[in-house]
C-alpha atoms as a PDB file:
ATOM      1  CA  ALA A   1       0.000   0.000   0.000  1.00  0.00           C
ATOM      2  CA  ARG A   2       2.835   2.416   0.773  1.00  0.00           C
ATOM      3  CA  VAL A   3       4.379   1.808  -2.644  1.00  0.00           C
ATOM      4  CA  LEU A   4       1.039   2.554  -4.266  1.00  0.00           C
ATOM      5  CA  GLU A   5       0.742   5.720  -2.188  1.00  0.00           C
ATOM      6  CA  LYS A   6       4.266   6.834  -3.161  1.00  0.00           C
ATOM      7  CA  THR A   7       3.454   6.371  -6.847  1.00  0.00           C
ATOM      8  CA  GLY A   8       0.289   8.455  -6.456  1.00  0.00           C
ATOM      9  CA  ASP A   9      -2.164   5.561  -6.671  1.00  0.00           C
ATOM     10  CA  LEU A  10      -4.246   6.510  -3.633  1.00  0.00           C
ATOM     11  CA  PRO A  11      -7.285   4.441  -4.685  1.00  0.00           C
ATOM     12  CA  GLY A  12      -5.045   1.389  -5.082  1.00  0.00           C
ATOM     13  CA  ALA A  13      -3.419   2.013  -1.705  1.00  0.00           C
ATOM     14  CA  ILE A  14      -6.827   2.366  -0.066  1.00  0.00           C
ATOM     15  CA  ASP A  15      -8.061  -0.839  -1.680  1.00  0.00           C
ATOM     16  CA  SER A  16      -4.968  -2.704  -0.527  1.00  0.00           C
ATOM     17  CA  CYS A  17      -5.367  -1.492   3.057  1.00  0.00           C
ATOM     18  CA  GLN A  18      -9.064  -2.286   3.135  1.00  0.00           C
ATOM     19  CA  LYS A  19      -8.347  -5.831   1.993  1.00  0.00           C
ATOM     20  CA  ALA A  20      -5.766  -6.199   4.760  1.00  0.00           C
ATOM     21  CA  VAL A  21      -8.214  -4.863   7.362  1.00  0.00           C
ATOM     22  CA  ASN A  22     -10.803  -7.419   6.213  1.00  0.00           C
ATOM     23  CA  ILE A  23      -8.296 -10.256   6.649  1.00  0.00           C
ATOM     24  CA  LEU A  24      -7.007  -9.313  10.104  1.00  0.00           C
ATOM     25  CA  VAL A  25      -8.748 -10.208  13.336  1.00  0.00           C
ATOM     26  CA  ILE A  26      -9.738  -7.410  15.685  1.00  0.00           C
ATOM     27  CA  ASP A  27      -7.104  -8.290  18.294  1.00  0.00           C
ATOM     28  CA  ASP A  28      -4.194  -7.990  15.838  1.00  0.00           C
ATOM     29  CA  PRO A  29      -2.454  -4.702  16.692  1.00  0.00           C
ATOM     30  CA  THR A  30      -1.601  -4.151  13.015  1.00  0.00           C
ATOM     31  CA  ILE A  31      -5.238  -3.267  12.404  1.00  0.00           C
ATOM     32  CA  ILE A  32      -4.814  -0.041  14.381  1.00  0.00           C
ATOM     33  CA  ARG A  33      -1.955   1.162  12.172  1.00  0.00           C
ATOM     34  CA  LEU A  34      -3.898   0.157   9.064  1.00  0.00           C
ATOM     35  CA  HIS A  35      -6.865   2.292  10.123  1.00  0.00           C
ATOM     36  CA  LEU A  36      -4.503   5.182  10.817  1.00  0.00           C
ATOM     37  CA  PHE A  37      -2.922   4.768   7.395  1.00  0.00           C
ATOM     38  CA  LEU A  38      -6.355   4.539   5.755  1.00  0.00           C
ATOM     39  CA  GLY A  39      -7.345   7.732   7.546  1.00  0.00           C
ATOM     40  CA  ASN A  40      -4.249   9.448   6.195  1.00  0.00           C
ATOM     41  CA  LEU A  41      -4.940   8.218   2.655  1.00  0.00           C
ATOM     42  CA  PHE A  42      -8.532   9.432   2.748  1.00  0.00           C
ATOM     43  CA  LYS A  43      -7.368  12.772   4.141  1.00  0.00           C
ATOM     44  CA  LYS A  44      -4.942  13.132   1.215  1.00  0.00           C
ATOM     45  CA  GLN A  45      -7.907  12.625  -1.103  1.00  0.00           C
ATOM     46  CA  GLY A  46      -9.878  15.286   0.745  1.00  0.00           C
ATOM     47  CA  ASN A  47     -12.336  12.646   1.954  1.00  0.00           C
ATOM     48  CA  PHE A  48     -12.477  13.848   5.538  1.00  0.00           C
ATOM     49  CA  ALA A  49     -15.545  11.826   6.559  1.00  0.00           C
ATOM     50  CA  ASP A  50     -13.885   8.491   5.725  1.00  0.00           C
ATOM     51  CA  SER A  51     -10.637   9.750   7.188  1.00  0.00           C
ATOM     52  CA  GLN A  52     -12.319  10.572  10.475  1.00  0.00           C
ATOM     53  CA  GLN A  53     -14.192   7.259  10.473  1.00  0.00           C
ATOM     54  CA  ASN A  54     -10.938   5.295  10.216  1.00  0.00           C
ATOM     55  CA  TYR A  55      -9.250   7.344  12.937  1.00  0.00           C
ATOM     56  CA  GLU A  56     -12.220   6.698  15.204  1.00  0.00           C
ATOM     57  CA  LYS A  57     -12.095   2.963  14.417  1.00  0.00           C
ATOM     58  CA  ALA A  58      -8.408   2.933  15.349  1.00  0.00           C
ATOM     59  CA  ARG A  59      -9.165   4.746  18.620  1.00  0.00           C
ATOM     60  CA  THR A  60     -12.039   2.425  19.521  1.00  0.00           C
ATOM     61  CA  ILE A  61     -10.072  -0.746  18.763  1.00  0.00           C
ATOM     62  CA  LEU A  62      -7.107   0.562  20.722  1.00  0.00           C
ATOM     63  CA  GLN A  63      -9.123   1.478  23.785  1.00  0.00           C
ATOM     64  CA  ASN A  64     -11.175  -1.733  23.764  1.00  0.00           C
ATOM     65  CA  HIS A  65      -8.454  -4.255  22.946  1.00  0.00           C
ATOM     66  CA  PHE A  66      -5.064  -2.660  23.703  1.00  0.00           C
ATOM     67  CA  PRO A  67      -5.448  -0.271  26.640  1.00  0.00           C
ATOM     68  CA  SER A  68      -1.713  -0.388  27.377  1.00  0.00           C
ATOM     69  CA  ALA A  69      -0.780   0.990  23.940  1.00  0.00           C
ATOM     70  CA  GLU A  70      -1.119   4.622  25.009  1.00  0.00           C
ATOM     71  CA  PRO A  71       1.610   6.073  22.725  1.00  0.00           C
ATOM     72  CA  ILE A  72      -0.436   5.113  19.672  1.00  0.00           C
ATOM     73  CA  LEU A  73      -3.436   6.917  21.158  1.00  0.00           C
ATOM     74  CA  ALA A  74      -1.511  10.198  20.913  1.00  0.00           C
ATOM     75  CA  ASP A  75      -0.963   9.533  17.195  1.00  0.00           C
ATOM     76  CA  ILE A  76      -4.664   8.901  16.740  1.00  0.00           C
ATOM     77  CA  TYR A  77      -5.724  12.110  18.475  1.00  0.00           C
ATOM     78  CA  HIS A  78      -3.136  14.055  16.498  1.00  0.00           C
ATOM     79  CA  SER A  79      -4.578  12.669  13.260  1.00  0.00           C
ATOM     80  CA  ILE A  80      -8.143  13.455  14.330  1.00  0.00           C
ATOM     81  CA  ALA A  81      -7.175  17.022  15.205  1.00  0.00           C
ATOM     82  CA  GLY A  82      -5.394  17.441  11.881  1.00  0.00           C
ATOM     83  CA  THR A  83      -8.507  16.348  10.012  1.00  0.00           C
ATOM     84  CA  PHE A  84     -10.708  18.795  11.909  1.00  0.00           C
ATOM     85  CA  TYR A  85      -8.184  21.542  11.179  1.00  0.00           C
ATOM     86  CA  GLN A  86      -8.190  20.784   7.469  1.00  0.00           C
ATOM     87  CA  MET A  87     -11.985  20.757   7.536  1.00  0.00           C
ATOM     88  CA  GLN A  88     -11.830  24.082   9.412  1.00  0.00           C
ATOM     89  CA  ASP A  89     -14.085  22.539  12.046  1.00  0.00           C
ATOM     90  CA  LEU A  90     -12.197  24.038  14.943  1.00  0.00           C
ATOM     91  CA  ASN A  91     -15.066  23.582  17.403  1.00  0.00           C
ATOM     92  CA  ASN A  92     -14.194  19.840  17.702  1.00  0.00           C
END
């Protein structure tokens, strides 16, 4: 997916990540990073709703299944804030 992103194929990168998410089980920590990456890809496309949805999925999975992984939570909140900023929705 990262190679596809680097070559500018964002739809291909998104498709690749979504396939990986569908294969992984919920308690695999890789799924959190995949949702973060998907959020970033959607944000690059200007698709802030899907970006936000993936960040929220990452946060929910992290808090429900990996409560000791706090450093990743900071990354998630940073990504959420960046999306709101780009949307100019500064009230959130």
